[in-house]
Full PDB file with SEQRES, HELIX, SHEET, SSBOND, CRYST1, ORIGX, SCALE, CONECT and MASTER records, all heavy atoms in Angstrom:
SEQRES   1 A   37  PHE TYR GLN SER PRO LYS ASP PHE ASP VAL LYS ALA VAL          
SEQRES   2 A   37  LYS LYS ALA TRP LYS GLU ASP THR ALA ALA ILE MET ASN          
SEQRES   3 A   37  GLU VAL VAL ILE ILE LEU ASP ASN VAL SER ASN                  
HELIX    1 AA1 VAL A   10  ALA A   16  1                                   7    
HELIX    2 AA2 THR A   21  ASP A   33  1                                  13    
CRYST1    1.000    1.000    1.000  90.00  90.00  90.00 P 1           1          
ORIGX1      1.000000  0.000000  0.000000        0.00000                         
ORIGX2      0.000000  1.000000  0.000000        0.00000                         
ORIGX3      0.000000  0.000000  1.000000        0.00000                         
SCALE1      1.000000  0.000000  0.000000        0.00000                         
SCALE2      0.000000  1.000000  0.000000        0.00000                         
SCALE3      0.000000  0.000000  1.000000        0.00000                         
ATOM      1  N   PHE A   1      -1.461  -0.271 -15.009  1.00  0.00           N  
ATOM      2  CA  PHE A   1      -0.178   0.340 -15.394  1.00  0.00           C  
ATOM      3  C   PHE A   1      -0.377   1.741 -15.868  1.00  0.00           C  
ATOM      4  O   PHE A   1       0.515   2.582 -15.769  1.00  0.00           O  
ATOM      5  CB  PHE A   1       0.484  -0.511 -16.469  1.00  0.00           C  
ATOM      6  CG  PHE A   1       1.182  -1.724 -15.977  1.00  0.00           C  
ATOM      7  CD1 PHE A   1       0.689  -3.011 -16.220  1.00  0.00           C  
ATOM      8  CD2 PHE A   1       2.381  -1.636 -15.238  1.00  0.00           C  
ATOM      9  CE1 PHE A   1       1.344  -4.146 -15.765  1.00  0.00           C  
ATOM     10  CE2 PHE A   1       3.076  -2.745 -14.754  1.00  0.00           C  
ATOM     11  CZ  PHE A   1       2.534  -4.001 -15.047  1.00  0.00           C  
ATOM     12  N   TYR A   2      -1.548   2.010 -16.468  1.00  0.00           N  
ATOM     13  CA  TYR A   2      -1.809   3.297 -17.115  1.00  0.00           C  
ATOM     14  C   TYR A   2      -2.719   4.200 -16.257  1.00  0.00           C  
ATOM     15  O   TYR A   2      -2.756   5.406 -16.473  1.00  0.00           O  
ATOM     16  CB  TYR A   2      -2.485   3.072 -18.449  1.00  0.00           C  
ATOM     17  CG  TYR A   2      -1.639   2.206 -19.402  1.00  0.00           C  
ATOM     18  CD1 TYR A   2      -1.712   0.824 -19.386  1.00  0.00           C  
ATOM     19  CD2 TYR A   2      -0.717   2.804 -20.241  1.00  0.00           C  
ATOM     20  CE1 TYR A   2      -0.939   0.024 -20.190  1.00  0.00           C  
ATOM     21  CE2 TYR A   2       0.060   2.015 -21.094  1.00  0.00           C  
ATOM     22  CZ  TYR A   2      -0.051   0.628 -21.043  1.00  0.00           C  
ATOM     23  OH  TYR A   2       0.734  -0.125 -21.871  1.00  0.00           O  
ATOM     24  N   GLN A   3      -3.447   3.584 -15.354  1.00  0.00           N  
ATOM     25  CA  GLN A   3      -4.408   4.354 -14.509  1.00  0.00           C  
ATOM     26  C   GLN A   3      -4.244   3.893 -13.060  1.00  0.00           C  
ATOM     27  O   GLN A   3      -4.432   2.742 -12.753  1.00  0.00           O  
ATOM     28  CB  GLN A   3      -5.850   4.135 -14.949  1.00  0.00           C  
ATOM     29  CG  GLN A   3      -6.126   4.605 -16.366  1.00  0.00           C  
ATOM     30  CD  GLN A   3      -7.529   4.295 -16.834  1.00  0.00           C  
ATOM     31  OE1 GLN A   3      -8.174   3.306 -16.370  1.00  0.00           O  
ATOM     32  NE2 GLN A   3      -8.103   5.126 -17.710  1.00  0.00           N  
ATOM     33  N   SER A   4      -3.919   4.830 -12.176  1.00  0.00           N  
ATOM     34  CA  SER A   4      -3.785   4.492 -10.759  1.00  0.00           C  
ATOM     35  C   SER A   4      -5.146   4.158 -10.188  1.00  0.00           C  
ATOM     36  O   SER A   4      -6.123   4.773 -10.547  1.00  0.00           O  
ATOM     37  CB  SER A   4      -3.131   5.633 -10.001  1.00  0.00           C  
ATOM     38  OG  SER A   4      -3.931   6.810 -10.109  1.00  0.00           O  
ATOM     39  N   PRO A   5      -5.191   3.153  -9.304  1.00  0.00           N  
ATOM     40  CA  PRO A   5      -6.490   2.762  -8.762  1.00  0.00           C  
ATOM     41  C   PRO A   5      -7.101   3.879  -7.876  1.00  0.00           C  
ATOM     42  O   PRO A   5      -6.416   4.488  -7.064  1.00  0.00           O  
ATOM     43  CB  PRO A   5      -6.128   1.496  -7.903  1.00  0.00           C  
ATOM     44  CG  PRO A   5      -4.678   1.651  -7.613  1.00  0.00           C  
ATOM     45  CD  PRO A   5      -4.080   2.364  -8.778  1.00  0.00           C  
ATOM     46  N   LYS A   6      -8.423   4.124  -8.109  1.00  0.00           N  
ATOM     47  CA  LYS A   6      -9.155   5.064  -7.308  1.00  0.00           C  
ATOM     48  C   LYS A   6     -10.072   4.339  -6.335  1.00  0.00           C  
ATOM     49  O   LYS A   6     -10.441   4.866  -5.268  1.00  0.00           O  
ATOM     50  CB  LYS A   6      -9.965   5.999  -8.174  1.00  0.00           C  
ATOM     51  CG  LYS A   6      -9.161   6.798  -9.191  1.00  0.00           C  
ATOM     52  CD  LYS A   6      -8.059   7.580  -8.472  1.00  0.00           C  
ATOM     53  CE  LYS A   6      -7.208   8.345  -9.468  1.00  0.00           C  
ATOM     54  NZ  LYS A   6      -6.003   8.945  -8.780  1.00  0.00           N  
ATOM     55  N   ASP A   7     -10.400   3.124  -6.658  1.00  0.00           N  
ATOM     56  CA  ASP A   7     -11.209   2.272  -5.784  1.00  0.00           C  
ATOM     57  C   ASP A   7     -10.476   0.945  -5.605  1.00  0.00           C  
ATOM     58  O   ASP A   7      -9.587   0.586  -6.390  1.00  0.00           O  
ATOM     59  CB  ASP A   7     -12.600   2.013  -6.433  1.00  0.00           C  
ATOM     60  CG  ASP A   7     -13.362   3.293  -6.568  1.00  0.00           C  
ATOM     61  OD1 ASP A   7     -13.672   3.911  -5.521  1.00  0.00           O  
ATOM     62  OD2 ASP A   7     -13.688   3.647  -7.717  1.00  0.00           O  
ATOM     63  N   PHE A   8     -10.893   0.202  -4.555  1.00  0.00           N  
ATOM     64  CA  PHE A   8     -10.159  -1.019  -4.221  1.00  0.00           C  
ATOM     65  C   PHE A   8     -11.162  -2.202  -4.074  1.00  0.00           C  
ATOM     66  O   PHE A   8     -12.262  -1.997  -3.564  1.00  0.00           O  
ATOM     67  CB  PHE A   8      -9.332  -0.831  -2.949  1.00  0.00           C  
ATOM     68  CG  PHE A   8      -8.298   0.237  -3.072  1.00  0.00           C  
ATOM     69  CD1 PHE A   8      -8.621   1.575  -2.788  1.00  0.00           C  
ATOM     70  CD2 PHE A   8      -7.004  -0.045  -3.485  1.00  0.00           C  
ATOM     71  CE1 PHE A   8      -7.651   2.584  -2.889  1.00  0.00           C  
ATOM     72  CE2 PHE A   8      -6.043   0.938  -3.623  1.00  0.00           C  
ATOM     73  CZ  PHE A   8      -6.403   2.263  -3.330  1.00  0.00           C  
ATOM     74  N   ASP A   9     -10.711  -3.325  -4.515  1.00  0.00           N  
ATOM     75  CA  ASP A   9     -11.532  -4.529  -4.438  1.00  0.00           C  
ATOM     76  C   ASP A   9     -11.915  -4.838  -2.993  1.00  0.00           C  
ATOM     77  O   ASP A   9     -11.051  -4.905  -2.093  1.00  0.00           O  
ATOM     78  CB  ASP A   9     -10.763  -5.729  -5.057  1.00  0.00           C  
ATOM     79  CG  ASP A   9     -11.594  -6.988  -4.988  1.00  0.00           C  
ATOM     80  OD1 ASP A   9     -12.428  -7.171  -5.858  1.00  0.00           O  
ATOM     81  OD2 ASP A   9     -11.314  -7.832  -4.102  1.00  0.00           O  
ATOM     82  N   VAL A  10     -13.175  -4.955  -2.759  1.00  0.00           N  
ATOM     83  CA  VAL A  10     -13.719  -5.061  -1.353  1.00  0.00           C  
ATOM     84  C   VAL A  10     -13.175  -6.292  -0.649  1.00  0.00           C  
ATOM     85  O   VAL A  10     -12.682  -6.257   0.512  1.00  0.00           O  
ATOM     86  CB  VAL A  10     -15.230  -5.074  -1.341  1.00  0.00           C  
ATOM     87  CG1 VAL A  10     -15.759  -5.315   0.075  1.00  0.00           C  
ATOM     88  CG2 VAL A  10     -15.788  -3.765  -1.889  1.00  0.00           C  
ATOM     89  N   LYS A  11     -13.176  -7.443  -1.354  1.00  0.00           N  
ATOM     90  CA  LYS A  11     -12.705  -8.673  -0.761  1.00  0.00           C  
ATOM     91  C   LYS A  11     -11.200  -8.611  -0.465  1.00  0.00           C  
ATOM     92  O   LYS A  11     -10.720  -9.092   0.572  1.00  0.00           O  
ATOM     93  CB  LYS A  11     -13.005  -9.853  -1.701  1.00  0.00           C  
ATOM     94  CG  LYS A  11     -14.453 -10.235  -1.727  1.00  0.00           C  
ATOM     95  CD  LYS A  11     -14.674 -11.463  -2.605  1.00  0.00           C  
ATOM     96  CE  LYS A  11     -16.141 -11.895  -2.633  1.00  0.00           C  
ATOM     97  NZ  LYS A  11     -16.339 -13.091  -3.459  1.00  0.00           N  
ATOM     98  N   ALA A  12     -10.480  -7.997  -1.382  1.00  0.00           N  
ATOM     99  CA  ALA A  12      -9.041  -7.882  -1.205  1.00  0.00           C  
ATOM    100  C   ALA A  12      -8.718  -6.966  -0.012  1.00  0.00           C  
ATOM    101  O   ALA A  12      -7.787  -7.248   0.761  1.00  0.00           O  
ATOM    102  CB  ALA A  12      -8.393  -7.300  -2.452  1.00  0.00           C  
ATOM    103  N   VAL A  13      -9.468  -5.892   0.176  1.00  0.00           N  
ATOM    104  CA  VAL A  13      -9.263  -4.962   1.279  1.00  0.00           C  
ATOM    105  C   VAL A  13      -9.479  -5.722   2.593  1.00  0.00           C  
ATOM    106  O   VAL A  13      -8.719  -5.579   3.535  1.00  0.00           O  
ATOM    107  CB  VAL A  13     -10.212  -3.752   1.132  1.00  0.00           C  
ATOM    108  CG1 VAL A  13     -10.209  -2.946   2.471  1.00  0.00           C  
ATOM    109  CG2 VAL A  13      -9.823  -2.894  -0.041  1.00  0.00           C  
ATOM    110  N   LYS A  14     -10.600  -6.468   2.641  1.00  0.00           N  
ATOM    111  CA  LYS A  14     -10.920  -7.185   3.856  1.00  0.00           C  
ATOM    112  C   LYS A  14      -9.803  -8.206   4.218  1.00  0.00           C  
ATOM    113  O   LYS A  14      -9.504  -8.412   5.403  1.00  0.00           O  
ATOM    114  CB  LYS A  14     -12.238  -7.932   3.618  1.00  0.00           C  
ATOM    115  CG  LYS A  14     -12.950  -8.343   4.902  1.00  0.00           C  
ATOM    116  CD  LYS A  14     -14.340  -8.909   4.598  1.00  0.00           C  
ATOM    117  CE  LYS A  14     -15.364  -7.820   4.428  1.00  0.00           C  
ATOM    118  NZ  LYS A  14     -16.752  -8.361   4.339  1.00  0.00           N  
ATOM    119  N   LYS A  15      -9.179  -8.775   3.203  1.00  0.00           N  
ATOM    120  CA  LYS A  15      -8.162  -9.782   3.431  1.00  0.00           C  
ATOM    121  C   LYS A  15      -6.803  -9.150   3.732  1.00  0.00           C  
ATOM    122  O   LYS A  15      -6.046  -9.612   4.614  1.00  0.00           O  
ATOM    123  CB  LYS A  15      -8.018 -10.663   2.189  1.00  0.00           C  
ATOM    124  CG  LYS A  15      -6.952 -11.752   2.320  1.00  0.00           C  
ATOM    125  CD  LYS A  15      -6.880 -12.592   1.040  1.00  0.00           C  
ATOM    126  CE  LYS A  15      -5.803 -13.679   1.164  1.00  0.00           C  
ATOM    127  NZ  LYS A  15      -5.706 -14.511  -0.076  1.00  0.00           N  
ATOM    128  N   ALA A  16      -6.466  -8.048   3.101  1.00  0.00           N  
ATOM    129  CA  ALA A  16      -5.096  -7.554   3.134  1.00  0.00           C  
ATOM    130  C   ALA A  16      -4.873  -6.327   4.064  1.00  0.00           C  
ATOM    131  O   ALA A  16      -3.794  -6.096   4.529  1.00  0.00           O  
ATOM    132  CB  ALA A  16      -4.611  -7.198   1.728  1.00  0.00           C  
ATOM    133  N   TRP A  17      -5.940  -5.575   4.290  1.00  0.00           N  
ATOM    134  CA  TRP A  17      -5.744  -4.287   5.017  1.00  0.00           C  
ATOM    135  C   TRP A  17      -6.277  -4.439   6.466  1.00  0.00           C  
ATOM    136  O   TRP A  17      -7.452  -4.407   6.726  1.00  0.00           O  
ATOM    137  CB  TRP A  17      -6.473  -3.179   4.310  1.00  0.00           C  
ATOM    138  CG  TRP A  17      -5.829  -1.790   4.597  1.00  0.00           C  
ATOM    139  CD1 TRP A  17      -6.095  -0.962   5.629  1.00  0.00           C  
ATOM    140  CD2 TRP A  17      -4.810  -1.181   3.873  1.00  0.00           C  
ATOM    141  NE1 TRP A  17      -5.316   0.116   5.596  1.00  0.00           N  
ATOM    142  CE2 TRP A  17      -4.470   0.011   4.502  1.00  0.00           C  
ATOM    143  CE3 TRP A  17      -4.079  -1.527   2.716  1.00  0.00           C  
ATOM    144  CZ2 TRP A  17      -3.505   0.928   4.060  1.00  0.00           C  
ATOM    145  CZ3 TRP A  17      -3.113  -0.657   2.250  1.00  0.00           C  
ATOM    146  CH2 TRP A  17      -2.798   0.547   2.900  1.00  0.00           C  
ATOM    147  N   LYS A  18      -5.323  -4.517   7.395  1.00  0.00           N  
ATOM    148  CA  LYS A  18      -5.648  -4.700   8.840  1.00  0.00           C  
ATOM    149  C   LYS A  18      -5.428  -3.381   9.575  1.00  0.00           C  
ATOM    150  O   LYS A  18      -5.024  -2.357   8.974  1.00  0.00           O  
ATOM    151  CB  LYS A  18      -4.820  -5.829   9.436  1.00  0.00           C  
ATOM    152  CG  LYS A  18      -4.844  -7.142   8.648  1.00  0.00           C  
ATOM    153  CD  LYS A  18      -6.264  -7.708   8.552  1.00  0.00           C  
ATOM    154  CE  LYS A  18      -6.273  -9.058   7.794  1.00  0.00           C  
ATOM    155  NZ  LYS A  18      -7.643  -9.594   7.604  1.00  0.00           N  
ATOM    156  N   GLU A  19      -5.587  -3.451  10.881  1.00  0.00           N  
ATOM    157  CA  GLU A  19      -5.438  -2.213  11.703  1.00  0.00           C  
ATOM    158  C   GLU A  19      -4.072  -1.613  11.666  1.00  0.00           C  
ATOM    159  O   GLU A  19      -3.874  -0.432  11.693  1.00  0.00           O  
ATOM    160  CB  GLU A  19      -5.807  -2.529  13.180  1.00  0.00           C  
ATOM    161  CG  GLU A  19      -7.302  -2.708  13.400  1.00  0.00           C  
ATOM    162  CD  GLU A  19      -7.622  -2.856  14.874  1.00  0.00           C  
ATOM    163  OE1 GLU A  19      -6.754  -2.487  15.670  1.00  0.00           O  
ATOM    164  OE2 GLU A  19      -8.775  -3.319  15.195  1.00  0.00           O  
ATOM    165  N   ASP A  20      -3.059  -2.559  11.600  1.00  0.00           N  
ATOM    166  CA  ASP A  20      -1.658  -2.062  11.591  1.00  0.00           C  
ATOM    167  C   ASP A  20      -1.085  -1.835  10.194  1.00  0.00           C  
ATOM    168  O   ASP A  20       0.091  -1.512  10.032  1.00  0.00           O  
ATOM    169  CB  ASP A  20      -0.774  -3.025  12.377  1.00  0.00           C  
ATOM    170  CG  ASP A  20      -0.777  -4.440  11.805  1.00  0.00           C  
ATOM    171  OD1 ASP A  20      -1.692  -4.692  10.998  1.00  0.00           O  
ATOM    172  OD2 ASP A  20       0.066  -5.244  12.135  1.00  0.00           O  
ATOM    173  N   THR A  21      -1.896  -2.075   9.179  1.00  0.00           N  
ATOM    174  CA  THR A  21      -1.375  -2.006   7.788  1.00  0.00           C  
ATOM    175  C   THR A  21      -0.903  -0.600   7.447  1.00  0.00           C  
ATOM    176  O   THR A  21       0.142  -0.449   6.763  1.00  0.00           O  
ATOM    177  CB  THR A  21      -2.438  -2.524   6.796  1.00  0.00           C  
ATOM    178  OG1 THR A  21      -2.795  -3.873   7.065  1.00  0.00           O  
ATOM    179  CG2 THR A  21      -1.907  -2.447   5.365  1.00  0.00           C  
ATOM    180  N   ALA A  22      -1.670   0.428   7.817  1.00  0.00           N  
ATOM    181  CA  ALA A  22      -1.242   1.764   7.459  1.00  0.00           C  
ATOM    182  C   ALA A  22       0.117   2.120   7.963  1.00  0.00           C  
ATOM    183  O   ALA A  22       0.911   2.739   7.269  1.00  0.00           O  
ATOM    184  CB  ALA A  22      -2.314   2.753   7.997  1.00  0.00           C  
ATOM    185  N   ALA A  23       0.394   1.703   9.248  1.00  0.00           N  
ATOM    186  CA  ALA A  23       1.724   1.977   9.805  1.00  0.00           C  
ATOM    187  C   ALA A  23       2.803   1.264   9.063  1.00  0.00           C  
ATOM    188  O   ALA A  23       3.902   1.818   8.808  1.00  0.00           O  
ATOM    189  CB  ALA A  23       1.711   1.549  11.283  1.00  0.00           C  
ATOM    190  N   ILE A  24       2.524   0.024   8.737  1.00  0.00           N  
ATOM    191  CA  ILE A  24       3.506  -0.758   7.989  1.00  0.00           C  
ATOM    192  C   ILE A  24       3.771  -0.134   6.585  1.00  0.00           C  
ATOM    193  O   ILE A  24       4.935   0.006   6.205  1.00  0.00           O  
ATOM    194  CB  ILE A  24       2.984  -2.235   7.782  1.00  0.00           C  
ATOM    195  CG1 ILE A  24       2.978  -2.979   9.140  1.00  0.00           C  
ATOM    196  CG2 ILE A  24       3.865  -2.984   6.771  1.00  0.00           C  
ATOM    197  CD1 ILE A  24       2.313  -4.325   9.081  1.00  0.00           C  
ATOM    198  N   MET A  25       2.719   0.334   5.918  1.00  0.00           N  
ATOM    199  CA  MET A  25       2.882   0.881   4.587  1.00  0.00           C  
ATOM    200  C   MET A  25       3.571   2.214   4.624  1.00  0.00           C  
ATOM    201  O   MET A  25       4.279   2.562   3.702  1.00  0.00           O  
ATOM    202  CB  MET A  25       1.530   0.975   3.884  1.00  0.00           C  
ATOM    203  CG  MET A  25       0.841  -0.382   3.644  1.00  0.00           C  
ATOM    204  SD  MET A  25       1.934  -1.622   2.884  1.00  0.00           S  
ATOM    205  CE  MET A  25       2.195  -0.960   1.302  1.00  0.00           C  
ATOM    206  N   ASN A  26       3.409   2.947   5.726  1.00  0.00           N  
ATOM    207  CA  ASN A  26       4.195   4.197   5.892  1.00  0.00           C  
ATOM    208  C   ASN A  26       5.670   3.950   5.916  1.00  0.00           C  
ATOM    209  O   ASN A  26       6.472   4.687   5.376  1.00  0.00           O  
ATOM    210  CB  ASN A  26       3.708   4.944   7.148  1.00  0.00           C  
ATOM    211  CG  ASN A  26       2.473   5.808   6.895  1.00  0.00           C  
ATOM    212  OD1 ASN A  26       2.409   6.479   5.861  1.00  0.00           O  
ATOM    213  ND2 ASN A  26       1.513   5.819   7.809  1.00  0.00           N  
ATOM    214  N   GLU A  27       6.021   2.842   6.541  1.00  0.00           N  
ATOM    215  CA  GLU A  27       7.449   2.476   6.632  1.00  0.00           C  
ATOM    216  C   GLU A  27       7.934   2.016   5.252  1.00  0.00           C  
ATOM    217  O   GLU A  27       9.060   2.251   4.861  1.00  0.00           O  
ATOM    218  CB  GLU A  27       7.650   1.355   7.710  1.00  0.00           C  
ATOM    219  CG  GLU A  27       7.485   1.838   9.091  1.00  0.00           C  
ATOM    220  CD  GLU A  27       7.972   0.842  10.133  1.00  0.00           C  
ATOM    221  OE1 GLU A  27       9.178   0.447  10.012  1.00  0.00           O  
ATOM    222  OE2 GLU A  27       7.179   0.433  10.996  1.00  0.00           O  
ATOM    223  N   VAL A  28       7.059   1.294   4.523  1.00  0.00           N  
ATOM    224  CA  VAL A  28       7.374   0.870   3.176  1.00  0.00           C  
ATOM    225  C   VAL A  28       7.697   2.092   2.276  1.00  0.00           C  
ATOM    226  O   VAL A  28       8.610   2.059   1.490  1.00  0.00           O  
ATOM    227  CB  VAL A  28       6.271  -0.014   2.554  1.00  0.00           C  
ATOM    228  CG1 VAL A  28       6.493  -0.200   1.055  1.00  0.00           C  
ATOM    229  CG2 VAL A  28       6.148  -1.341   3.295  1.00  0.00           C  
ATOM    230  N   VAL A  29       6.909   3.110   2.433  1.00  0.00           N  
ATOM    231  CA  VAL A  29       7.140   4.355   1.650  1.00  0.00           C  
ATOM    232  C   VAL A  29       8.539   4.889   1.920  1.00  0.00           C  
ATOM    233  O   VAL A  29       9.292   5.257   1.005  1.00  0.00           O  
ATOM    234  CB  VAL A  29       6.068   5.410   2.029  1.00  0.00           C  
ATOM    235  CG1 VAL A  29       6.483   6.779   1.464  1.00  0.00           C  
ATOM    236  CG2 VAL A  29       4.705   5.000   1.486  1.00  0.00           C  
ATOM    237  N   ILE A  30       8.940   4.907   3.219  1.00  0.00           N  
ATOM    238  CA  ILE A  30      10.301   5.366   3.564  1.00  0.00           C  
ATOM    239  C   ILE A  30      11.373   4.503   2.956  1.00  0.00           C  
ATOM    240  O   ILE A  30      12.339   5.017   2.384  1.00  0.00           O  
ATOM    241  CB  ILE A  30      10.442   5.437   5.105  1.00  0.00           C  
ATOM    242  CG1 ILE A  30       9.462   6.415   5.690  1.00  0.00           C  
ATOM    243  CG2 ILE A  30      11.854   5.753   5.526  1.00  0.00           C  
ATOM    244  CD1 ILE A  30       9.355   6.441   7.214  1.00  0.00           C  
ATOM    245  N   ILE A  31      11.188   3.176   3.039  1.00  0.00           N  
ATOM    246  CA  ILE A  31      12.176   2.213   2.500  1.00  0.00           C  
ATOM    247  C   ILE A  31      12.295   2.430   0.987  1.00  0.00           C  
ATOM    248  O   ILE A  31      13.418   2.596   0.472  1.00  0.00           O  
ATOM    249  CB  ILE A  31      11.723   0.730   2.749  1.00  0.00           C  
ATOM    250  CG1 ILE A  31      11.706   0.445   4.242  1.00  0.00           C  
ATOM    251  CG2 ILE A  31      12.696  -0.206   2.030  1.00  0.00           C  
ATOM    252  CD1 ILE A  31      13.017   0.592   4.963  1.00  0.00           C  
ATOM    253  N   LEU A  32      11.175   2.547   0.286  1.00  0.00           N  
ATOM    254  CA  LEU A  32      11.261   2.718  -1.168  1.00  0.00           C  
ATOM    255  C   LEU A  32      11.827   4.065  -1.591  1.00  0.00           C  
ATOM    256  O   LEU A  32      12.539   4.164  -2.563  1.00  0.00           O  
ATOM    257  CB  LEU A  32       9.833   2.555  -1.754  1.00  0.00           C  
ATOM    258  CG  LEU A  32       9.216   1.163  -1.694  1.00  0.00           C  
ATOM    259  CD1 LEU A  32       7.794   1.166  -2.196  1.00  0.00           C  
ATOM    260  CD2 LEU A  32      10.046   0.138  -2.463  1.00  0.00           C  
ATOM    261  N   ASP A  33      11.503   5.085  -0.784  1.00  0.00           N  
ATOM    262  CA  ASP A  33      12.031   6.419  -1.100  1.00  0.00           C  
ATOM    263  C   ASP A  33      13.516   6.488  -1.024  1.00  0.00           C  
ATOM    264  O   ASP A  33      14.174   7.295  -1.670  1.00  0.00           O  
ATOM    265  CB  ASP A  33      11.345   7.429  -0.167  1.00  0.00           C  
ATOM    266  CG  ASP A  33      11.496   8.877  -0.695  1.00  0.00           C  
ATOM    267  OD1 ASP A  33      11.659   9.039  -1.921  1.00  0.00           O  
ATOM    268  OD2 ASP A  33      11.396   9.807   0.097  1.00  0.00           O  
ATOM    269  N   ASN A  34      14.078   5.611  -0.199  1.00  0.00           N  
ATOM    270  CA  ASN A  34      15.548   5.573   0.009  1.00  0.00           C  
ATOM    271  C   ASN A  34      16.255   4.689  -0.993  1.00  0.00           C  
ATOM    272  O   ASN A  34      17.506   4.598  -0.905  1.00  0.00           O  
ATOM    273  CB  ASN A  34      15.871   5.164   1.465  1.00  0.00           C  
ATOM    274  CG  ASN A  34      15.500   6.208   2.456  1.00  0.00           C  
ATOM    275  OD1 ASN A  34      15.635   7.430   2.178  1.00  0.00           O  
ATOM    276  ND2 ASN A  34      15.117   5.830   3.638  1.00  0.00           N  
ATOM    277  N   VAL A  35      15.495   4.000  -1.857  1.00  0.00           N  
ATOM    278  CA  VAL A  35      16.171   3.138  -2.871  1.00  0.00           C  
ATOM    279  C   VAL A  35      16.609   4.073  -4.013  1.00  0.00           C  
ATOM    280  O   VAL A  35      15.777   4.602  -4.758  1.00  0.00           O  
ATOM    281  CB  VAL A  35      15.216   2.057  -3.424  1.00  0.00           C  
ATOM    282  CG1 VAL A  35      15.924   1.238  -4.515  1.00  0.00           C  
ATOM    283  CG2 VAL A  35      14.767   1.129  -2.262  1.00  0.00           C  
ATOM    284  N   SER A  36      17.881   4.289  -4.143  1.00  0.00           N  
ATOM    285  CA  SER A  36      18.388   5.290  -5.101  1.00  0.00           C  
ATOM    286  C   SER A  36      18.299   4.712  -6.540  1.00  0.00           C  
ATOM    287  O   SER A  36      17.933   5.422  -7.479  1.00  0.00           O  
ATOM    288  CB  SER A  36      19.813   5.709  -4.787  1.00  0.00           C  
ATOM    289  OG  SER A  36      20.654   4.536  -4.694  1.00  0.00           O  
ATOM    290  N   ASN A  37      18.654   3.467  -6.705  1.00  0.00           N  
ATOM    291  CA  ASN A  37      18.590   2.854  -8.051  1.00  0.00           C  
ATOM    292  C   ASN A  37      17.335   1.998  -8.099  1.00  0.00           C  
ATOM    293  O   ASN A  37      17.329   0.828  -7.641  1.00  0.00           O  
ATOM    294  CB  ASN A  37      19.849   1.950  -8.195  1.00  0.00           C  
ATOM    295  CG  ASN A  37      20.000   1.465  -9.663  1.00  0.00           C  
ATOM    296  OD1 ASN A  37      19.452   2.087 -10.568  1.00  0.00           O  
ATOM    297  ND2 ASN A  37      20.727   0.389  -9.843  1.00  0.00           N  
TER     298      ASN A  37                                                      
MASTER        0    0    0    2    0    0    0    6  297    1    0    3          
END                                                                             
């Protein structure tokens, strides 16, 4: 909450971050940016 992550848990990355994840997360950024409230 107080410090943004600079490194990421290796096991979690292997489980959660796939080839298409970056594209999906780019879309998430757009969705969240458009949430006004």
